[in-house]
């Protein structure tokens, strides 16, 4: 029988001050980033008898990608061998935290190698993968029902008007009912780039 996911603990809302802990300072990330990592980890973590000493639980190998995407961080299949060198199929909190902090730092200090910017108009692979997570790979735009589902899965209580406003902000359709047009891949990518999530 597969181990059950552990119950998520209440996480402070966005209005709460996030003070960087010693762990966050050691990894050169902010208190808010640390809080985001802990919250995302808790969504996917499970308790497993082989890792009874891990108070925060462990991630299944397959959930590492989902957890990173929830944090808007890139994923590579190479990460698993580094996070789980014994090939146990599970990843501890400390290992995941170190990787997520490293990726946050990389995102804030990107390499200056690519000066041409010719590919900037094309949605990145990360944007395409994240877009498919929202619309469940249906090929169409992200709709209100997709946002409802994501909010449910993240256990966020977001009212209908806010979800509609998010769609309008992304697609620029300001007239009445503009949210019904949904959000295309290109619009999604533009929003993510403006937010500094993708390149």
N, C-alpha and C. Protein backbone atom coordinates (compact mmCIF):
# COMPACT_ATOMS: atom_id res chain seq x y z
N UNK A 1 0.85 -1.19 0.00
CA UNK A 1 0.00 0.00 0.00
C UNK A 1 0.89 1.24 0.00
N UNK A 2 0.59 2.19 -0.89
CA UNK A 2 1.42 3.38 -1.02
C UNK A 2 1.27 4.26 0.21
N UNK A 3 2.39 4.87 0.66
CA UNK A 3 2.30 5.73 1.84
C UNK A 3 1.43 6.94 1.56
N UNK A 4 0.70 7.38 2.57
CA UNK A 4 -0.20 8.51 2.38
C UNK A 4 0.58 9.81 2.43
N UNK A 5 0.08 10.78 1.64
CA UNK A 5 0.65 12.13 1.74
C UNK A 5 0.32 12.69 3.11
N UNK A 6 1.27 13.39 3.69
CA UNK A 6 0.98 13.95 5.00
C UNK A 6 0.11 15.18 4.85
N UNK A 7 -0.63 15.49 5.90
CA UNK A 7 -1.48 16.67 5.89
C UNK A 7 -0.60 17.90 5.85
N UNK A 8 -1.01 18.89 5.04
CA UNK A 8 -0.22 20.12 4.98
C UNK A 8 -0.53 20.96 6.20
N UNK A 9 0.48 21.66 6.67
CA UNK A 9 0.29 22.53 7.81
C UNK A 9 -0.06 23.92 7.31
N UNK A 10 -0.69 24.70 8.15
CA UNK A 10 -1.09 26.04 7.74
C UNK A 10 0.16 26.86 7.46
N UNK A 11 0.11 27.61 6.38
CA UNK A 11 1.25 28.45 6.00
C UNK A 11 0.81 29.89 6.07
N UNK A 12 1.69 30.74 6.55
CA UNK A 12 1.36 32.15 6.70
C UNK A 12 1.02 32.76 5.35
N UNK A 13 0.05 33.65 5.33
CA UNK A 13 -0.37 34.31 4.09
C UNK A 13 0.63 35.35 3.66
N UNK A 14 0.39 35.96 2.47
CA UNK A 14 1.36 36.88 1.91
C UNK A 14 1.57 38.14 2.73
N UNK A 15 0.61 38.47 3.61
CA UNK A 15 0.78 39.70 4.38
C UNK A 15 1.72 39.52 5.56
N UNK A 16 2.07 38.28 5.87
CA UNK A 16 2.94 38.00 7.01
C UNK A 16 4.39 38.34 6.68
N UNK A 17 5.10 38.90 7.67
CA UNK A 17 6.52 39.20 7.48
C UNK A 17 7.30 37.89 7.48
N UNK A 18 8.15 37.72 6.49
CA UNK A 18 8.95 36.50 6.39
C UNK A 18 10.39 36.83 6.78
N UNK A 19 10.77 36.38 7.97
CA UNK A 19 12.13 36.64 8.43
C UNK A 19 13.03 35.48 8.00
N UNK A 20 14.17 35.81 7.44
CA UNK A 20 15.10 34.77 6.97
C UNK A 20 15.69 34.04 8.16
N UNK A 21 15.61 32.72 8.13
CA UNK A 21 16.20 31.90 9.18
C UNK A 21 17.69 31.72 8.91
N UNK A 22 18.34 31.03 9.83
CA UNK A 22 19.76 30.74 9.66
C UNK A 22 19.97 29.92 8.38
N UNK A 23 19.04 28.97 8.14
CA UNK A 23 19.14 28.13 6.94
C UNK A 23 19.06 28.97 5.67
N UNK A 24 18.12 29.92 5.65
CA UNK A 24 17.96 30.79 4.47
C UNK A 24 19.22 31.62 4.25
N UNK A 25 19.77 32.15 5.34
CA UNK A 25 20.98 32.98 5.22
C UNK A 25 22.16 32.17 4.72
N UNK A 26 22.25 30.92 5.19
CA UNK A 26 23.35 30.05 4.73
C UNK A 26 23.27 29.81 3.22
N UNK A 27 22.04 29.77 2.69
CA UNK A 27 21.86 29.51 1.26
C UNK A 27 21.65 30.79 0.46
N UNK A 28 21.79 31.95 1.13
CA UNK A 28 21.72 33.24 0.46
C UNK A 28 20.38 33.48 -0.23
N UNK A 29 19.26 33.12 0.46
CA UNK A 29 17.94 33.40 -0.08
C UNK A 29 17.15 34.19 0.96
N UNK A 30 16.03 34.78 0.53
CA UNK A 30 15.23 35.60 1.43
C UNK A 30 14.29 34.73 2.27
N UNK A 31 13.73 35.36 3.31
CA UNK A 31 12.76 34.65 4.13
C UNK A 31 11.52 34.25 3.34
N UNK A 32 11.12 35.11 2.39
CA UNK A 32 9.96 34.81 1.56
C UNK A 32 10.24 33.60 0.66
N UNK A 33 11.44 33.55 0.10
CA UNK A 33 11.81 32.39 -0.73
C UNK A 33 11.85 31.11 0.10
N UNK A 34 12.39 31.22 1.31
CA UNK A 34 12.42 30.05 2.19
C UNK A 34 11.01 29.56 2.49
N UNK A 35 10.11 30.51 2.79
CA UNK A 35 8.73 30.16 3.09
C UNK A 35 8.06 29.49 1.89
N UNK A 36 8.35 29.99 0.68
CA UNK A 36 7.78 29.41 -0.55
C UNK A 36 8.26 27.97 -0.74
N UNK A 37 9.55 27.74 -0.48
CA UNK A 37 10.10 26.39 -0.62
C UNK A 37 9.43 25.44 0.37
N UNK A 38 9.32 25.88 1.62
CA UNK A 38 8.70 25.03 2.65
C UNK A 38 7.24 24.72 2.30
N UNK A 39 6.50 25.73 1.81
CA UNK A 39 5.09 25.52 1.49
C UNK A 39 4.94 24.56 0.31
N UNK A 40 5.73 24.77 -0.74
CA UNK A 40 5.65 23.87 -1.91
C UNK A 40 6.03 22.45 -1.51
N UNK A 41 7.08 22.31 -0.72
CA UNK A 41 7.52 20.98 -0.28
C UNK A 41 6.42 20.28 0.50
N UNK A 42 5.75 21.03 1.38
CA UNK A 42 4.71 20.42 2.23
C UNK A 42 3.51 19.94 1.41
N UNK A 43 3.29 20.55 0.22
CA UNK A 43 2.17 20.13 -0.62
C UNK A 43 2.38 18.72 -1.17
N UNK A 44 3.64 18.35 -1.40
CA UNK A 44 3.93 17.08 -2.06
C UNK A 44 4.58 16.04 -1.13
N UNK A 45 5.02 16.48 0.05
CA UNK A 45 5.76 15.57 0.94
C UNK A 45 4.86 14.48 1.51
N UNK A 46 5.45 13.32 1.75
CA UNK A 46 4.76 12.19 2.38
C UNK A 46 5.61 11.70 3.56
N UNK A 47 4.96 10.99 4.48
CA UNK A 47 5.69 10.32 5.55
C UNK A 47 5.99 8.90 5.06
N UNK A 48 7.24 8.45 5.23
CA UNK A 48 7.63 7.12 4.77
C UNK A 48 8.39 6.41 5.88
N UNK A 49 8.07 5.14 6.14
CA UNK A 49 8.72 4.44 7.25
C UNK A 49 10.23 4.33 7.12
N UNK A 50 10.75 4.33 5.91
CA UNK A 50 12.21 4.25 5.73
C UNK A 50 12.90 5.58 6.04
N UNK A 51 12.11 6.65 6.19
CA UNK A 51 12.68 7.97 6.46
C UNK A 51 11.97 8.58 7.68
N UNK A 52 11.81 7.77 8.70
CA UNK A 52 11.06 8.20 9.90
C UNK A 52 11.71 9.41 10.57
N UNK A 53 13.03 9.57 10.39
CA UNK A 53 13.73 10.68 11.06
C UNK A 53 13.52 12.01 10.34
N UNK A 54 12.93 11.98 9.14
CA UNK A 54 12.70 13.21 8.38
C UNK A 54 11.37 13.83 8.81
N UNK A 55 11.46 14.84 9.69
CA UNK A 55 10.24 15.44 10.24
C UNK A 55 9.35 16.08 9.18
N UNK A 56 9.97 16.64 8.14
CA UNK A 56 9.17 17.28 7.08
C UNK A 56 8.68 16.29 6.03
N UNK A 57 9.00 15.01 6.22
CA UNK A 57 8.64 14.01 5.23
C UNK A 57 9.63 13.99 4.08
N UNK A 58 9.31 13.24 3.04
CA UNK A 58 10.18 13.14 1.87
C UNK A 58 9.34 13.31 0.61
N UNK A 59 10.02 13.65 -0.48
CA UNK A 59 9.35 13.74 -1.79
C UNK A 59 9.59 12.46 -2.56
N UNK A 60 8.56 11.98 -3.26
CA UNK A 60 8.79 10.94 -4.25
C UNK A 60 9.60 11.57 -5.37
N UNK A 61 10.47 10.77 -6.00
CA UNK A 61 11.30 11.30 -7.09
C UNK A 61 10.48 12.01 -8.15
N UNK A 62 9.31 11.45 -8.50
CA UNK A 62 8.47 12.04 -9.53
C UNK A 62 7.84 13.35 -9.13
N UNK A 63 7.81 13.65 -7.82
CA UNK A 63 7.20 14.90 -7.37
C UNK A 63 8.18 16.07 -7.33
N UNK A 64 9.46 15.79 -7.53
CA UNK A 64 10.46 16.87 -7.51
C UNK A 64 10.14 17.87 -8.61
N UNK A 65 9.82 17.37 -9.80
CA UNK A 65 9.51 18.25 -10.93
C UNK A 65 8.28 19.12 -10.61
N UNK A 66 7.23 18.49 -10.08
CA UNK A 66 6.01 19.23 -9.74
C UNK A 66 6.28 20.31 -8.69
N UNK A 67 7.10 19.96 -7.74
CA UNK A 67 7.42 20.89 -6.65
C UNK A 67 8.19 22.10 -7.19
N UNK A 68 9.16 21.84 -8.07
CA UNK A 68 9.94 22.95 -8.65
C UNK A 68 9.06 23.82 -9.54
N UNK A 69 8.17 23.21 -10.31
CA UNK A 69 7.28 24.00 -11.17
C UNK A 69 6.33 24.85 -10.32
N UNK A 70 5.92 24.32 -9.17
CA UNK A 70 5.07 25.10 -8.27
C UNK A 70 5.81 26.35 -7.78
N UNK A 71 7.13 26.25 -7.71
CA UNK A 71 7.96 27.38 -7.30
C UNK A 71 8.41 28.24 -8.49
N UNK A 72 7.94 27.89 -9.70
CA UNK A 72 8.37 28.56 -10.93
C UNK A 72 9.88 28.47 -11.13
N UNK A 73 10.43 27.31 -10.77
CA UNK A 73 11.85 27.05 -10.95
C UNK A 73 12.03 25.99 -12.04
N UNK A 74 13.13 26.04 -12.78
CA UNK A 74 13.35 25.07 -13.87
C UNK A 74 13.62 23.68 -13.33
N UNK A 75 13.35 22.69 -14.17
CA UNK A 75 13.59 21.29 -13.79
C UNK A 75 14.45 20.62 -14.85
N UNK A 76 15.35 19.75 -14.39
CA UNK A 76 16.13 18.90 -15.28
C UNK A 76 16.16 17.50 -14.69
N UNK A 77 16.09 16.49 -15.56
CA UNK A 77 16.13 15.10 -15.10
C UNK A 77 17.44 14.80 -14.37
N UNK A 78 18.48 15.58 -14.65
CA UNK A 78 19.77 15.38 -13.99
C UNK A 78 19.71 15.66 -12.49
N UNK A 79 18.74 16.46 -12.07
CA UNK A 79 18.66 16.82 -10.65
C UNK A 79 18.46 15.60 -9.76
N UNK A 80 17.68 14.63 -10.24
CA UNK A 80 17.34 13.48 -9.39
C UNK A 80 18.55 12.70 -8.93
N UNK A 81 19.53 12.50 -9.85
CA UNK A 81 20.72 11.73 -9.46
C UNK A 81 21.51 12.46 -8.39
N UNK A 82 21.47 13.79 -8.41
CA UNK A 82 22.18 14.56 -7.38
C UNK A 82 21.40 14.56 -6.07
N UNK A 83 20.07 14.65 -6.15
CA UNK A 83 19.24 14.71 -4.95
C UNK A 83 19.08 13.34 -4.29
N UNK A 84 19.15 12.29 -5.10
CA UNK A 84 18.92 10.92 -4.59
C UNK A 84 20.05 10.00 -5.08
N UNK A 85 21.27 10.22 -4.58
CA UNK A 85 22.42 9.46 -5.08
C UNK A 85 22.30 7.95 -4.85
N UNK A 86 21.52 7.53 -3.84
CA UNK A 86 21.36 6.09 -3.56
C UNK A 86 20.22 5.47 -4.36
N UNK A 87 19.56 6.29 -5.21
CA UNK A 87 18.44 5.81 -6.04
C UNK A 87 17.35 5.16 -5.18
N UNK A 88 17.05 5.78 -4.04
CA UNK A 88 16.02 5.25 -3.14
C UNK A 88 14.62 5.53 -3.66
N UNK A 89 14.52 6.51 -4.56
CA UNK A 89 13.20 6.92 -5.06
C UNK A 89 12.60 8.06 -4.27
N UNK A 90 13.36 8.55 -3.26
CA UNK A 90 12.84 9.62 -2.41
C UNK A 90 13.91 10.70 -2.21
N UNK A 91 13.43 11.93 -1.95
CA UNK A 91 14.32 13.08 -1.77
C UNK A 91 14.00 13.75 -0.44
N UNK A 92 15.02 14.03 0.35
CA UNK A 92 14.81 14.65 1.67
C UNK A 92 14.63 16.16 1.53
N UNK A 93 14.11 16.76 2.60
CA UNK A 93 13.89 18.21 2.60
C UNK A 93 15.20 18.97 2.43
N UNK A 94 16.24 18.57 3.17
CA UNK A 94 17.52 19.30 3.10
C UNK A 94 18.08 19.30 1.68
N UNK A 95 18.00 18.15 1.02
CA UNK A 95 18.52 18.05 -0.35
C UNK A 95 17.71 18.94 -1.29
N UNK A 96 16.38 18.88 -1.16
CA UNK A 96 15.53 19.69 -2.03
C UNK A 96 15.72 21.18 -1.75
N UNK A 97 15.82 21.54 -0.48
CA UNK A 97 15.99 22.94 -0.11
C UNK A 97 17.26 23.50 -0.73
N UNK A 98 18.36 22.73 -0.66
CA UNK A 98 19.63 23.19 -1.23
C UNK A 98 19.51 23.43 -2.73
N UNK A 99 18.83 22.52 -3.43
CA UNK A 99 18.66 22.69 -4.88
C UNK A 99 17.80 23.90 -5.20
N UNK A 100 16.66 24.03 -4.51
CA UNK A 100 15.75 25.14 -4.78
C UNK A 100 16.43 26.49 -4.51
N UNK A 101 17.21 26.56 -3.43
CA UNK A 101 17.94 27.80 -3.12
C UNK A 101 18.95 28.12 -4.21
N UNK A 102 19.65 27.10 -4.69
CA UNK A 102 20.62 27.29 -5.77
C UNK A 102 19.93 27.81 -7.03
N UNK A 103 18.76 27.25 -7.35
CA UNK A 103 18.01 27.68 -8.54
C UNK A 103 17.49 29.10 -8.38
N UNK A 104 17.06 29.46 -7.17
CA UNK A 104 16.65 30.85 -6.92
C UNK A 104 17.82 31.81 -7.18
N UNK A 105 19.00 31.43 -6.68
CA UNK A 105 20.17 32.28 -6.87
C UNK A 105 20.56 32.38 -8.33
N UNK A 106 20.47 31.26 -9.07
CA UNK A 106 20.78 31.27 -10.50
C UNK A 106 19.82 32.18 -11.26
N UNK A 107 18.55 32.16 -10.85
CA UNK A 107 17.54 32.97 -11.54
C UNK A 107 17.79 34.45 -11.34
N UNK A 108 18.28 34.80 -10.15
CA UNK A 108 18.54 36.20 -9.85
C UNK A 108 19.86 36.69 -10.41
N UNK A 109 20.77 35.75 -10.70
CA UNK A 109 22.07 36.11 -11.28
C UNK A 109 22.33 35.29 -12.53
N UNK A 110 21.54 35.52 -13.60
CA UNK A 110 21.70 34.71 -14.81
C UNK A 110 23.05 34.95 -15.48
N UNK A 111 23.52 33.93 -16.21
CA UNK A 111 24.76 34.09 -16.96
C UNK A 111 24.56 35.13 -18.05
N UNK A 112 25.60 35.85 -18.36
CA UNK A 112 25.52 36.88 -19.39
C UNK A 112 25.95 36.36 -20.75
N UNK A 113 25.98 35.04 -20.93
CA UNK A 113 26.50 34.47 -22.18
C UNK A 113 25.66 34.83 -23.39
N UNK A 114 24.33 34.82 -23.23
CA UNK A 114 23.46 34.98 -24.38
C UNK A 114 23.09 36.44 -24.56
N UNK A 115 23.79 37.14 -25.45
CA UNK A 115 23.57 38.56 -25.66
C UNK A 115 22.68 38.82 -26.85
N UNK A 116 22.43 37.81 -27.67
CA UNK A 116 21.74 38.07 -28.93
C UNK A 116 20.26 38.29 -28.74
N UNK A 117 19.62 37.53 -27.86
CA UNK A 117 18.20 37.72 -27.58
C UNK A 117 17.28 37.33 -28.71
N UNK A 118 17.78 36.59 -29.70
CA UNK A 118 16.94 36.25 -30.84
C UNK A 118 15.83 35.28 -30.46
N UNK A 119 16.06 34.48 -29.42
CA UNK A 119 15.06 33.49 -29.02
C UNK A 119 14.08 34.05 -27.99
N UNK A 120 14.26 35.35 -27.62
CA UNK A 120 13.43 35.92 -26.57
C UNK A 120 11.96 35.96 -26.94
N UNK A 121 11.65 36.01 -28.23
CA UNK A 121 10.26 36.08 -28.65
C UNK A 121 9.57 34.72 -28.59
N UNK A 122 10.33 33.65 -28.54
CA UNK A 122 9.78 32.30 -28.48
C UNK A 122 9.53 31.91 -27.02
N UNK A 123 8.35 31.36 -26.71
CA UNK A 123 8.14 30.88 -25.34
C UNK A 123 9.18 29.82 -24.97
N UNK A 124 9.73 29.94 -23.78
CA UNK A 124 10.75 28.99 -23.34
C UNK A 124 10.14 27.61 -23.08
N UNK A 125 11.01 26.61 -23.00
CA UNK A 125 10.55 25.26 -22.68
C UNK A 125 9.85 25.23 -21.33
N UNK A 126 10.41 25.97 -20.35
CA UNK A 126 9.80 26.02 -19.02
C UNK A 126 8.40 26.62 -19.09
N UNK A 127 8.24 27.69 -19.90
CA UNK A 127 6.92 28.32 -20.04
C UNK A 127 5.93 27.35 -20.66
N UNK A 128 6.38 26.63 -21.68
CA UNK A 128 5.49 25.67 -22.34
C UNK A 128 5.06 24.56 -21.39
N UNK A 129 6.02 24.06 -20.57
CA UNK A 129 5.70 22.99 -19.62
C UNK A 129 4.72 23.49 -18.55
N UNK A 130 4.98 24.69 -18.03
CA UNK A 130 4.10 25.26 -17.00
C UNK A 130 2.71 25.52 -17.58
N UNK A 131 2.66 26.01 -18.83
CA UNK A 131 1.38 26.27 -19.49
C UNK A 131 0.57 24.98 -19.61
N UNK A 132 1.26 23.89 -19.98
CA UNK A 132 0.58 22.60 -20.13
C UNK A 132 0.07 22.08 -18.78
N UNK A 133 0.77 22.41 -17.69
CA UNK A 133 0.30 22.02 -16.36
C UNK A 133 -1.02 22.73 -16.03
N UNK A 134 -1.12 24.00 -16.46
CA UNK A 134 -2.34 24.75 -16.20
C UNK A 134 -3.50 24.22 -17.03
N UNK A 135 -3.29 24.03 -18.35
CA UNK A 135 -4.42 23.67 -19.21
C UNK A 135 -4.53 22.17 -19.45
N UNK A 136 -3.75 21.39 -18.69
CA UNK A 136 -3.77 19.92 -18.78
C UNK A 136 -3.51 19.42 -20.19
N UNK A 137 -2.65 20.15 -20.89
CA UNK A 137 -2.19 19.74 -22.22
C UNK A 137 -3.35 19.60 -23.21
N UNK A 138 -4.36 20.47 -23.07
CA UNK A 138 -5.50 20.39 -23.98
C UNK A 138 -5.24 21.12 -25.29
N UNK A 139 -4.19 21.95 -25.34
CA UNK A 139 -3.88 22.68 -26.56
C UNK A 139 -4.57 24.03 -26.63
N UNK A 140 -5.57 24.25 -25.80
CA UNK A 140 -6.28 25.52 -25.82
C UNK A 140 -5.71 26.50 -24.80
N UNK A 141 -6.38 27.64 -24.65
CA UNK A 141 -5.90 28.64 -23.67
C UNK A 141 -6.18 28.20 -22.24
N UNK A 142 -5.56 28.88 -21.31
CA UNK A 142 -5.86 28.68 -19.89
C UNK A 142 -7.19 29.38 -19.61
N UNK A 143 -8.14 28.66 -19.05
CA UNK A 143 -9.47 29.19 -18.82
C UNK A 143 -9.75 29.34 -17.33
N UNK A 144 -10.91 29.89 -17.03
CA UNK A 144 -11.32 30.06 -15.64
C UNK A 144 -11.38 28.73 -14.91
N UNK A 145 -11.88 27.70 -15.58
CA UNK A 145 -11.97 26.38 -14.93
C UNK A 145 -10.58 25.82 -14.62
N UNK A 146 -9.59 26.10 -15.47
CA UNK A 146 -8.22 25.65 -15.20
C UNK A 146 -7.69 26.34 -13.93
N UNK A 147 -7.93 27.66 -13.82
CA UNK A 147 -7.45 28.39 -12.64
C UNK A 147 -8.15 27.89 -11.37
N UNK A 148 -9.45 27.59 -11.50
CA UNK A 148 -10.17 27.04 -10.34
C UNK A 148 -9.52 25.75 -9.86
N UNK A 149 -9.19 24.87 -10.82
CA UNK A 149 -8.59 23.58 -10.48
C UNK A 149 -7.25 23.77 -9.79
N UNK A 150 -6.41 24.66 -10.35
CA UNK A 150 -5.08 24.90 -9.77
C UNK A 150 -5.21 25.45 -8.35
N UNK A 151 -6.15 26.40 -8.16
CA UNK A 151 -6.35 26.96 -6.82
C UNK A 151 -6.79 25.87 -5.84
N UNK A 152 -7.67 24.96 -6.30
CA UNK A 152 -8.11 23.84 -5.45
C UNK A 152 -6.94 22.96 -5.08
N UNK A 153 -6.11 22.61 -6.09
CA UNK A 153 -4.98 21.70 -5.84
C UNK A 153 -3.97 22.32 -4.89
N UNK A 154 -3.81 23.65 -4.95
CA UNK A 154 -2.88 24.34 -4.06
C UNK A 154 -3.54 24.72 -2.73
N UNK A 155 -4.83 24.32 -2.60
CA UNK A 155 -5.61 24.61 -1.39
C UNK A 155 -5.65 26.10 -1.09
N UNK A 156 -5.78 26.90 -2.16
CA UNK A 156 -5.90 28.34 -2.02
C UNK A 156 -7.36 28.73 -2.19
N UNK A 157 -7.88 29.55 -1.29
CA UNK A 157 -9.26 30.01 -1.38
C UNK A 157 -9.29 31.33 -2.13
N UNK A 158 -9.48 31.25 -3.46
CA UNK A 158 -9.47 32.45 -4.30
C UNK A 158 -10.87 32.62 -4.89
N UNK A 159 -11.44 33.83 -4.73
CA UNK A 159 -12.81 34.02 -5.22
C UNK A 159 -12.83 34.17 -6.75
N UNK A 160 -14.02 33.98 -7.31
CA UNK A 160 -14.23 33.98 -8.76
C UNK A 160 -13.77 35.28 -9.41
N UNK A 161 -14.10 36.42 -8.78
CA UNK A 161 -13.76 37.73 -9.35
C UNK A 161 -12.25 37.89 -9.48
N UNK A 162 -11.50 37.39 -8.49
CA UNK A 162 -10.03 37.49 -8.53
C UNK A 162 -9.47 36.65 -9.67
N UNK A 163 -10.01 35.43 -9.84
CA UNK A 163 -9.54 34.57 -10.92
C UNK A 163 -9.84 35.21 -12.28
N UNK A 164 -11.02 35.81 -12.42
CA UNK A 164 -11.36 36.48 -13.67
C UNK A 164 -10.42 37.66 -13.93
N UNK A 165 -10.12 38.40 -12.87
CA UNK A 165 -9.21 39.55 -13.00
C UNK A 165 -7.82 39.10 -13.44
N UNK A 166 -7.38 37.94 -12.94
CA UNK A 166 -6.07 37.41 -13.33
C UNK A 166 -6.03 37.12 -14.83
N UNK A 167 -7.13 36.56 -15.35
CA UNK A 167 -7.20 36.26 -16.78
C UNK A 167 -7.18 37.54 -17.61
N UNK A 168 -7.94 38.54 -17.17
CA UNK A 168 -8.01 39.81 -17.90
C UNK A 168 -6.65 40.52 -17.89
N UNK A 169 -5.98 40.47 -16.73
CA UNK A 169 -4.67 41.11 -16.64
C UNK A 169 -3.68 40.46 -17.60
N UNK A 170 -3.80 39.14 -17.77
CA UNK A 170 -2.88 38.41 -18.64
C UNK A 170 -3.21 38.59 -20.12
N UNK A 171 -4.51 38.61 -20.47
CA UNK A 171 -4.86 38.65 -21.90
C UNK A 171 -5.16 40.05 -22.42
N UNK A 172 -5.26 41.04 -21.52
CA UNK A 172 -5.47 42.43 -21.96
C UNK A 172 -6.87 42.72 -22.46
N UNK A 173 -7.80 41.76 -22.31
CA UNK A 173 -9.18 41.95 -22.79
C UNK A 173 -9.99 42.68 -21.72
N UNK A 174 -9.87 43.99 -21.66
CA UNK A 174 -10.42 44.75 -20.54
C UNK A 174 -11.94 44.90 -20.57
N UNK A 175 -12.58 44.67 -21.73
CA UNK A 175 -14.03 44.88 -21.77
C UNK A 175 -14.75 43.82 -20.96
N UNK A 176 -16.03 44.06 -20.71
CA UNK A 176 -16.87 43.15 -19.91
C UNK A 176 -16.77 41.72 -20.45
N UNK A 177 -16.50 40.78 -19.57
CA UNK A 177 -16.42 39.38 -19.97
C UNK A 177 -15.14 39.02 -20.71
N UNK A 178 -14.14 39.90 -20.67
CA UNK A 178 -12.89 39.63 -21.39
C UNK A 178 -12.16 38.41 -20.89
N UNK A 179 -12.46 38.00 -19.66
CA UNK A 179 -11.80 36.82 -19.08
C UNK A 179 -12.17 35.55 -19.84
N UNK A 180 -13.32 35.58 -20.56
CA UNK A 180 -13.77 34.38 -21.27
C UNK A 180 -12.83 33.98 -22.40
N UNK A 181 -12.01 34.91 -22.88
CA UNK A 181 -11.07 34.60 -23.96
C UNK A 181 -9.95 33.69 -23.49
N UNK A 182 -9.75 33.62 -22.17
CA UNK A 182 -8.66 32.79 -21.64
C UNK A 182 -7.31 33.42 -21.89
N UNK A 183 -6.26 32.64 -21.64
CA UNK A 183 -4.88 33.13 -21.79
C UNK A 183 -4.11 32.17 -22.69
N UNK A 184 -3.57 32.70 -23.79
CA UNK A 184 -2.80 31.88 -24.73
C UNK A 184 -1.40 31.63 -24.19
N UNK A 185 -0.69 30.72 -24.84
CA UNK A 185 0.70 30.43 -24.45
C UNK A 185 1.56 31.68 -24.52
N UNK A 186 1.40 32.45 -25.60
CA UNK A 186 2.22 33.67 -25.77
C UNK A 186 1.92 34.69 -24.67
N UNK A 187 0.63 34.84 -24.33
CA UNK A 187 0.26 35.77 -23.26
C UNK A 187 0.77 35.29 -21.92
N UNK A 188 0.67 33.98 -21.67
CA UNK A 188 1.18 33.39 -20.44
C UNK A 188 2.68 33.62 -20.33
N UNK A 189 3.40 33.38 -21.44
CA UNK A 189 4.85 33.57 -21.45
C UNK A 189 5.22 35.02 -21.17
N UNK A 190 4.46 35.96 -21.77
CA UNK A 190 4.74 37.38 -21.57
C UNK A 190 4.56 37.78 -20.10
N UNK A 191 3.50 37.25 -19.48
CA UNK A 191 3.26 37.54 -18.06
C UNK A 191 4.40 37.00 -17.20
N UNK A 192 4.83 35.77 -17.49
CA UNK A 192 5.90 35.16 -16.71
C UNK A 192 7.23 35.91 -16.89
N UNK A 193 7.48 36.39 -18.11
CA UNK A 193 8.71 37.16 -18.35
C UNK A 193 8.68 38.51 -17.61
N UNK A 194 7.50 39.14 -17.63
CA UNK A 194 7.38 40.41 -16.91
C UNK A 194 7.61 40.22 -15.42
N UNK A 195 7.16 39.05 -14.92
CA UNK A 195 7.32 38.75 -13.49
C UNK A 195 8.73 38.26 -13.17
N UNK A 196 9.55 38.06 -14.21
CA UNK A 196 10.92 37.60 -14.00
C UNK A 196 11.02 36.12 -13.71
N UNK A 197 9.93 35.36 -14.01
CA UNK A 197 9.95 33.93 -13.74
C UNK A 197 10.74 33.18 -14.81
N UNK A 198 10.48 33.49 -16.07
CA UNK A 198 11.22 32.88 -17.17
C UNK A 198 12.01 33.96 -17.90
N UNK A 199 13.27 33.61 -18.20
CA UNK A 199 14.22 34.42 -18.91
C UNK A 199 13.84 35.73 -19.45
